[in-house]
């Protein structure tokens, strides 16, 4: 399962995608402010969702003022 992550600051999308890659996820840009993320090490869809959501929230906290939305 892949997850779409959309952020409010497109200038930081490459940074987010690089951070996903460093954590073992695959991410590719789908729009100026969005990417699709695949977590190949997750054992199931729920685990993938929870880990990508947790990671995205941590990334948001390190980038004040930037919001993120996840969707399937």
PDB file of N, CA and C in Angstrom:
ATOM      1  N   UNK A   1       0.842  -1.175   0.000  1.00  0.00           N
ATOM      2  CA  UNK A   1       0.000   0.000   0.000  1.00  0.00           C
ATOM      3  C   UNK A   1       0.892   1.246   0.000  1.00  0.00           C
ATOM      4  N   UNK A   2       0.531   2.194  -0.827  1.00  0.00           N
ATOM      5  CA  UNK A   2       1.239   3.466  -0.808  1.00  0.00           C
ATOM      6  C   UNK A   2       0.325   4.531  -0.210  1.00  0.00           C
ATOM      7  N   UNK A   3       0.961   5.551   0.318  1.00  0.00           N
ATOM      8  CA  UNK A   3       0.264   6.619   1.034  1.00  0.00           C
ATOM      9  C   UNK A   3       0.649   7.943   0.392  1.00  0.00           C
ATOM     10  N   UNK A   4      -0.320   8.785   0.131  1.00  0.00           N
ATOM     11  CA  UNK A   4      -0.030  10.116  -0.384  1.00  0.00           C
ATOM     12  C   UNK A   4       0.201  11.053   0.788  1.00  0.00           C
ATOM     13  N   UNK A   5       1.300  11.790   0.722  1.00  0.00           N
ATOM     14  CA  UNK A   5       1.614  12.797   1.727  1.00  0.00           C
ATOM     15  C   UNK A   5       1.663  14.136   1.001  1.00  0.00           C
ATOM     16  N   UNK A   6       0.838  15.061   1.435  1.00  0.00           N
ATOM     17  CA  UNK A   6       0.821  16.396   0.847  1.00  0.00           C
ATOM     18  C   UNK A   6       1.227  17.400   1.918  1.00  0.00           C
ATOM     19  N   UNK A   7       2.127  18.325   1.553  1.00  0.00           N
ATOM     20  CA  UNK A   7       2.581  19.323   2.506  1.00  0.00           C
ATOM     21  C   UNK A   7       2.220  20.717   2.004  1.00  0.00           C
ATOM     22  N   UNK A   8       2.229  21.670   2.909  1.00  0.00           N
ATOM     23  CA  UNK A   8       1.813  23.031   2.574  1.00  0.00           C
ATOM     24  C   UNK A   8       2.929  23.876   1.983  1.00  0.00           C
ATOM     25  N   UNK A   9       4.143  23.365   1.975  1.00  0.00           N
ATOM     26  CA  UNK A   9       5.292  24.118   1.459  1.00  0.00           C
ATOM     27  C   UNK A   9       6.042  23.249   0.455  1.00  0.00           C
ATOM     28  N   UNK A  10       5.716  23.416  -0.819  1.00  0.00           N
ATOM     29  CA  UNK A  10       6.310  22.595  -1.861  1.00  0.00           C
ATOM     30  C   UNK A  10       7.827  22.668  -1.923  1.00  0.00           C
ATOM     31  N   UNK A  11       8.411  23.775  -1.464  1.00  0.00           N
ATOM     32  CA  UNK A  11       9.867  23.921  -1.494  1.00  0.00           C
ATOM     33  C   UNK A  11      10.558  22.885  -0.607  1.00  0.00           C
ATOM     34  N   UNK A  12       9.825  22.317   0.355  1.00  0.00           N
ATOM     35  CA  UNK A  12      10.413  21.336   1.266  1.00  0.00           C
ATOM     36  C   UNK A  12      10.085  19.891   0.912  1.00  0.00           C
ATOM     37  N   UNK A  13       9.400  19.679  -0.209  1.00  0.00           N
ATOM     38  CA  UNK A  13       9.010  18.314  -0.561  1.00  0.00           C
ATOM     39  C   UNK A  13      10.226  17.426  -0.812  1.00  0.00           C
ATOM     40  N   UNK A  14      11.235  17.929  -1.483  1.00  0.00           N
ATOM     41  CA  UNK A  14      12.436  17.120  -1.721  1.00  0.00           C
ATOM     42  C   UNK A  14      13.080  16.725  -0.400  1.00  0.00           C
ATOM     43  N   UNK A  15      13.116  17.649   0.552  1.00  0.00           N
ATOM     44  CA  UNK A  15      13.666  17.343   1.874  1.00  0.00           C
ATOM     45  C   UNK A  15      12.886  16.207   2.534  1.00  0.00           C
ATOM     46  N   UNK A  16      11.566  16.271   2.469  1.00  0.00           N
ATOM     47  CA  UNK A  16      10.730  15.225   3.054  1.00  0.00           C
ATOM     48  C   UNK A  16      10.969  13.895   2.353  1.00  0.00           C
ATOM     49  N   UNK A  17      11.018  13.909   1.032  1.00  0.00           N
ATOM     50  CA  UNK A  17      11.240  12.671   0.285  1.00  0.00           C
ATOM     51  C   UNK A  17      12.606  12.068   0.605  1.00  0.00           C
ATOM     52  N   UNK A  18      13.619  12.910   0.736  1.00  0.00           N
ATOM     53  CA  UNK A  18      14.956  12.425   1.116  1.00  0.00           C
ATOM     54  C   UNK A  18      14.930  11.808   2.512  1.00  0.00           C
ATOM     55  N   UNK A  19      14.185  12.417   3.419  1.00  0.00           N
ATOM     56  CA  UNK A  19      14.064  11.881   4.772  1.00  0.00           C
ATOM     57  C   UNK A  19      13.374  10.514   4.754  1.00  0.00           C
ATOM     58  N   UNK A  20      12.333  10.373   3.951  1.00  0.00           N
ATOM     59  CA  UNK A  20      11.689   9.065   3.800  1.00  0.00           C
ATOM     60  C   UNK A  20      12.687   8.039   3.273  1.00  0.00           C
ATOM     61  N   UNK A  21      13.459   8.405   2.275  1.00  0.00           N
ATOM     62  CA  UNK A  21      14.437   7.483   1.687  1.00  0.00           C
ATOM     63  C   UNK A  21      15.464   7.036   2.733  1.00  0.00           C
ATOM     64  N   UNK A  22      15.936   7.970   3.552  1.00  0.00           N
ATOM     65  CA  UNK A  22      16.903   7.612   4.592  1.00  0.00           C
ATOM     66  C   UNK A  22      16.316   6.640   5.611  1.00  0.00           C
ATOM     67  N   UNK A  23      15.000   6.643   5.752  1.00  0.00           N
ATOM     68  CA  UNK A  23      14.363   5.746   6.717  1.00  0.00           C
ATOM     69  C   UNK A  23      13.911   4.425   6.083  1.00  0.00           C
ATOM     70  N   UNK A  24      14.253   4.211   4.816  1.00  0.00           N
ATOM     71  CA  UNK A  24      13.927   2.943   4.168  1.00  0.00           C
ATOM     72  C   UNK A  24      12.648   2.934   3.364  1.00  0.00           C
ATOM     73  N   UNK A  25      12.013   4.093   3.222  1.00  0.00           N
ATOM     74  CA  UNK A  25      10.789   4.183   2.429  1.00  0.00           C
ATOM     75  C   UNK A  25      11.115   4.636   1.012  1.00  0.00           C
ATOM     76  N   UNK A  26      10.225   4.328   0.102  1.00  0.00           N
ATOM     77  CA  UNK A  26      10.331   4.795  -1.273  1.00  0.00           C
ATOM     78  C   UNK A  26       9.326   5.916  -1.460  1.00  0.00           C
ATOM     79  N   UNK A  27       9.755   7.019  -2.039  1.00  0.00           N
ATOM     80  CA  UNK A  27       8.851   8.154  -2.238  1.00  0.00           C
ATOM     81  C   UNK A  27       9.080   8.733  -3.628  1.00  0.00           C
ATOM     82  N   UNK A  28       7.988   9.061  -4.309  1.00  0.00           N
ATOM     83  CA  UNK A  28       8.118   9.755  -5.593  1.00  0.00           C
ATOM     84  C   UNK A  28       7.093  10.886  -5.662  1.00  0.00           C
ATOM     85  N   UNK A  29       7.537  11.969  -6.263  1.00  0.00           N
ATOM     86  CA  UNK A  29       6.713  13.173  -6.386  1.00  0.00           C
ATOM     87  C   UNK A  29       5.526  12.893  -7.306  1.00  0.00           C
ATOM     88  N   UNK A  30       4.352  13.340  -6.878  1.00  0.00           N
ATOM     89  CA  UNK A  30       3.157  13.205  -7.710  1.00  0.00           C
ATOM     90  C   UNK A  30       2.563  14.566  -8.065  1.00  0.00           C
ATOM     91  N   UNK A  31       2.998  15.607  -7.356  1.00  0.00           N
ATOM     92  CA  UNK A  31       2.540  16.978  -7.594  1.00  0.00           C
ATOM     93  C   UNK A  31       3.563  17.912  -6.958  1.00  0.00           C
ATOM     94  N   UNK A  32       3.360  19.189  -7.125  1.00  0.00           N
ATOM     95  CA  UNK A  32       4.309  20.167  -6.581  1.00  0.00           C
ATOM     96  C   UNK A  32       4.415  20.093  -5.057  1.00  0.00           C
ATOM     97  N   UNK A  33       3.346  19.646  -4.402  1.00  0.00           N
ATOM     98  CA  UNK A  33       3.340  19.596  -2.944  1.00  0.00           C
ATOM     99  C   UNK A  33       3.024  18.208  -2.395  1.00  0.00           C
ATOM    100  N   UNK A  34       3.098  17.172  -3.226  1.00  0.00           N
ATOM    101  CA  UNK A  34       2.698  15.837  -2.774  1.00  0.00           C
ATOM    102  C   UNK A  34       3.616  14.741  -3.312  1.00  0.00           C
ATOM    103  N   UNK A  35       3.668  13.649  -2.537  1.00  0.00           N
ATOM    104  CA  UNK A  35       4.413  12.475  -2.975  1.00  0.00           C
ATOM    105  C   UNK A  35       3.665  11.229  -2.521  1.00  0.00           C
ATOM    106  N   UNK A  36       3.972  10.114  -3.184  1.00  0.00           N
ATOM    107  CA  UNK A  36       3.440   8.816  -2.781  1.00  0.00           C
ATOM    108  C   UNK A  36       4.562   8.094  -2.067  1.00  0.00           C
ATOM    109  N   UNK A  37       4.247   7.496  -0.928  1.00  0.00           N
ATOM    110  CA  UNK A  37       5.243   6.826  -0.103  1.00  0.00           C
ATOM    111  C   UNK A  37       4.882   5.356   0.037  1.00  0.00           C
ATOM    112  N   UNK A  38       5.873   4.505  -0.158  1.00  0.00           N
ATOM    113  CA  UNK A  38       5.725   3.067   0.037  1.00  0.00           C
ATOM    114  C   UNK A  38       6.693   2.665   1.140  1.00  0.00           C
ATOM    115  N   UNK A  39       6.186   1.947   2.124  1.00  0.00           N
ATOM    116  CA  UNK A  39       7.018   1.479   3.238  1.00  0.00           C
ATOM    117  C   UNK A  39       7.213  -0.038   3.060  1.00  0.00           C
ATOM    118  N   UNK A  40       8.250  -0.448   2.340  1.00  0.00           N
ATOM    119  CA  UNK A  40       8.398  -1.864   2.004  1.00  0.00           C
ATOM    120  C   UNK A  40       8.726  -2.767   3.195  1.00  0.00           C
ATOM    121  N   UNK A  41       9.181  -2.212   4.304  1.00  0.00           N
ATOM    122  CA  UNK A  41       9.537  -3.032   5.463  1.00  0.00           C
ATOM    123  C   UNK A  41       8.368  -3.260   6.416  1.00  0.00           C
ATOM    124  N   UNK A  42       7.253  -2.579   6.186  1.00  0.00           N
ATOM    125  CA  UNK A  42       6.073  -2.754   7.044  1.00  0.00           C
ATOM    126  C   UNK A  42       5.475  -4.136   6.806  1.00  0.00           C
ATOM    127  N   UNK A  43       5.012  -4.750   7.877  1.00  0.00           N
ATOM    128  CA  UNK A  43       4.459  -6.098   7.756  1.00  0.00           C
ATOM    129  C   UNK A  43       3.020  -6.116   7.255  1.00  0.00           C
ATOM    130  N   UNK A  44       2.329  -4.971   7.354  1.00  0.00           N
ATOM    131  CA  UNK A  44       0.962  -4.901   6.843  1.00  0.00           C
ATOM    132  C   UNK A  44       0.587  -3.431   6.608  1.00  0.00           C
ATOM    133  N   UNK A  45      -0.607  -3.215   6.065  1.00  0.00           N
ATOM    134  CA  UNK A  45      -1.043  -1.857   5.732  1.00  0.00           C
ATOM    135  C   UNK A  45      -1.167  -0.967   6.968  1.00  0.00           C
ATOM    136  N   UNK A  46      -1.659  -1.508   8.052  1.00  0.00           N
ATOM    137  CA  UNK A  46      -1.821  -0.719   9.281  1.00  0.00           C
ATOM    138  C   UNK A  46      -0.468  -0.239   9.792  1.00  0.00           C
ATOM    139  N   UNK A  47       0.499  -1.142   9.812  1.00  0.00           N
ATOM    140  CA  UNK A  47       1.833  -0.757  10.265  1.00  0.00           C
ATOM    141  C   UNK A  47       2.429   0.308   9.353  1.00  0.00           C
ATOM    142  N   UNK A  48       2.262   0.145   8.047  1.00  0.00           N
ATOM    143  CA  UNK A  48       2.780   1.141   7.097  1.00  0.00           C
ATOM    144  C   UNK A  48       2.151   2.499   7.373  1.00  0.00           C
ATOM    145  N   UNK A  49       0.828   2.525   7.537  1.00  0.00           N
ATOM    146  CA  UNK A  49       0.129   3.789   7.789  1.00  0.00           C
ATOM    147  C   UNK A  49       0.627   4.440   9.075  1.00  0.00           C
ATOM    148  N   UNK A  50       0.696   3.675  10.157  1.00  0.00           N
ATOM    149  CA  UNK A  50       1.111   4.223  11.443  1.00  0.00           C
ATOM    150  C   UNK A  50       2.543   4.753  11.403  1.00  0.00           C
ATOM    151  N   UNK A  51       3.440   4.015  10.777  1.00  0.00           N
ATOM    152  CA  UNK A  51       4.833   4.444  10.736  1.00  0.00           C
ATOM    153  C   UNK A  51       5.031   5.665   9.839  1.00  0.00           C
ATOM    154  N   UNK A  52       4.357   5.695   8.690  1.00  0.00           N
ATOM    155  CA  UNK A  52       4.474   6.867   7.819  1.00  0.00           C
ATOM    156  C   UNK A  52       3.841   8.083   8.505  1.00  0.00           C
ATOM    157  N   UNK A  53       2.717   7.889   9.169  1.00  0.00           N
ATOM    158  CA  UNK A  53       2.068   8.996   9.889  1.00  0.00           C
ATOM    159  C   UNK A  53       2.967   9.509  11.010  1.00  0.00           C
ATOM    160  N   UNK A  54       3.557   8.611  11.785  1.00  0.00           N
ATOM    161  CA  UNK A  54       4.431   9.011  12.875  1.00  0.00           C
ATOM    162  C   UNK A  54       5.652   9.756  12.334  1.00  0.00           C
ATOM    163  N   UNK A  55       6.263   9.208  11.297  1.00  0.00           N
ATOM    164  CA  UNK A  55       7.437   9.831  10.695  1.00  0.00           C
ATOM    165  C   UNK A  55       7.103  11.221  10.161  1.00  0.00           C
ATOM    166  N   UNK A  56       5.969  11.332   9.467  1.00  0.00           N
ATOM    167  CA  UNK A  56       5.560  12.610   8.899  1.00  0.00           C
ATOM    168  C   UNK A  56       5.326  13.640   9.996  1.00  0.00           C
ATOM    169  N   UNK A  57       4.707  13.229  11.083  1.00  0.00           N
ATOM    170  CA  UNK A  57       4.463  14.150  12.199  1.00  0.00           C
ATOM    171  C   UNK A  57       5.782  14.630  12.807  1.00  0.00           C
ATOM    172  N   UNK A  58       6.732  13.720  12.963  1.00  0.00           N
ATOM    173  CA  UNK A  58       8.044  14.115  13.497  1.00  0.00           C
ATOM    174  C   UNK A  58       8.732  15.102  12.554  1.00  0.00           C
ATOM    175  N   UNK A  59       8.619  14.860  11.248  1.00  0.00           N
ATOM    176  CA  UNK A  59       9.210  15.768  10.259  1.00  0.00           C
ATOM    177  C   UNK A  59       8.534  17.131  10.349  1.00  0.00           C
ATOM    178  N   UNK A  60       7.203  17.147  10.498  1.00  0.00           N
ATOM    179  CA  UNK A  60       6.463  18.416  10.653  1.00  0.00           C
ATOM    180  C   UNK A  60       6.969  19.208  11.856  1.00  0.00           C
ATOM    181  N   UNK A  61       7.188  18.519  12.967  1.00  0.00           N
ATOM    182  CA  UNK A  61       7.644  19.201  14.175  1.00  0.00           C
ATOM    183  C   UNK A  61       9.022  19.827  13.989  1.00  0.00           C
ATOM    184  N   UNK A  62       9.830  19.234  13.120  1.00  0.00           N
ATOM    185  CA  UNK A  62      11.155  19.785  12.831  1.00  0.00           C
ATOM    186  C   UNK A  62      11.093  20.925  11.819  1.00  0.00           C
ATOM    187  N   UNK A  63       9.913  21.154  11.237  1.00  0.00           N
ATOM    188  CA  UNK A  63       9.710  22.205  10.232  1.00  0.00           C
ATOM    189  C   UNK A  63       8.492  23.034  10.624  1.00  0.00           C
ATOM    190  N   UNK A  64       8.643  23.886  11.631  1.00  0.00           N
ATOM    191  CA  UNK A  64       7.506  24.684  12.123  1.00  0.00           C
ATOM    192  C   UNK A  64       6.824  25.469  11.000  1.00  0.00           C
ATOM    193  N   UNK A  65       5.514  25.467  11.048  1.00  0.00           N
ATOM    194  CA  UNK A  65       4.747  26.203  10.055  1.00  0.00           C
ATOM    195  C   UNK A  65       4.361  25.386   8.833  1.00  0.00           C
ATOM    196  N   UNK A  66       4.924  24.197   8.703  1.00  0.00           N
ATOM    197  CA  UNK A  66       4.596  23.341   7.561  1.00  0.00           C
ATOM    198  C   UNK A  66       3.586  22.301   8.029  1.00  0.00           C
ATOM    199  N   UNK A  67       2.494  22.181   7.282  1.00  0.00           N
ATOM    200  CA  UNK A  67       1.482  21.191   7.597  1.00  0.00           C
ATOM    201  C   UNK A  67       1.550  20.026   6.627  1.00  0.00           C
ATOM    202  N   UNK A  68       1.072  18.881   7.053  1.00  0.00           N
ATOM    203  CA  UNK A  68       1.062  17.694   6.195  1.00  0.00           C
ATOM    204  C   UNK A  68      -0.270  16.969   6.340  1.00  0.00           C
ATOM    205  N   UNK A  69      -0.720  16.400   5.238  1.00  0.00           N
ATOM    206  CA  UNK A  69      -1.944  15.614   5.206  1.00  0.00           C
ATOM    207  C   UNK A  69      -1.625  14.285   4.559  1.00  0.00           C
ATOM    208  N   UNK A  70      -2.118  13.203   5.139  1.00  0.00           N
ATOM    209  CA  UNK A  70      -1.947  11.857   4.593  1.00  0.00           C
ATOM    210  C   UNK A  70      -3.273  11.340   4.091  1.00  0.00           C
ATOM    211  N   UNK A  71      -3.221  10.585   3.019  1.00  0.00           N
ATOM    212  CA  UNK A  71      -4.418   9.897   2.525  1.00  0.00           C
ATOM    213  C   UNK A  71      -4.000   8.635   1.791  1.00  0.00           C
ATOM    214  N   UNK A  72      -4.916   7.717   1.763  1.00  0.00           N
ATOM    215  CA  UNK A  72      -4.644   6.423   1.098  1.00  0.00           C
ATOM    216  C   UNK A  72      -4.745   6.568  -0.393  1.00  0.00           C
TER     217      UNK A  72
END
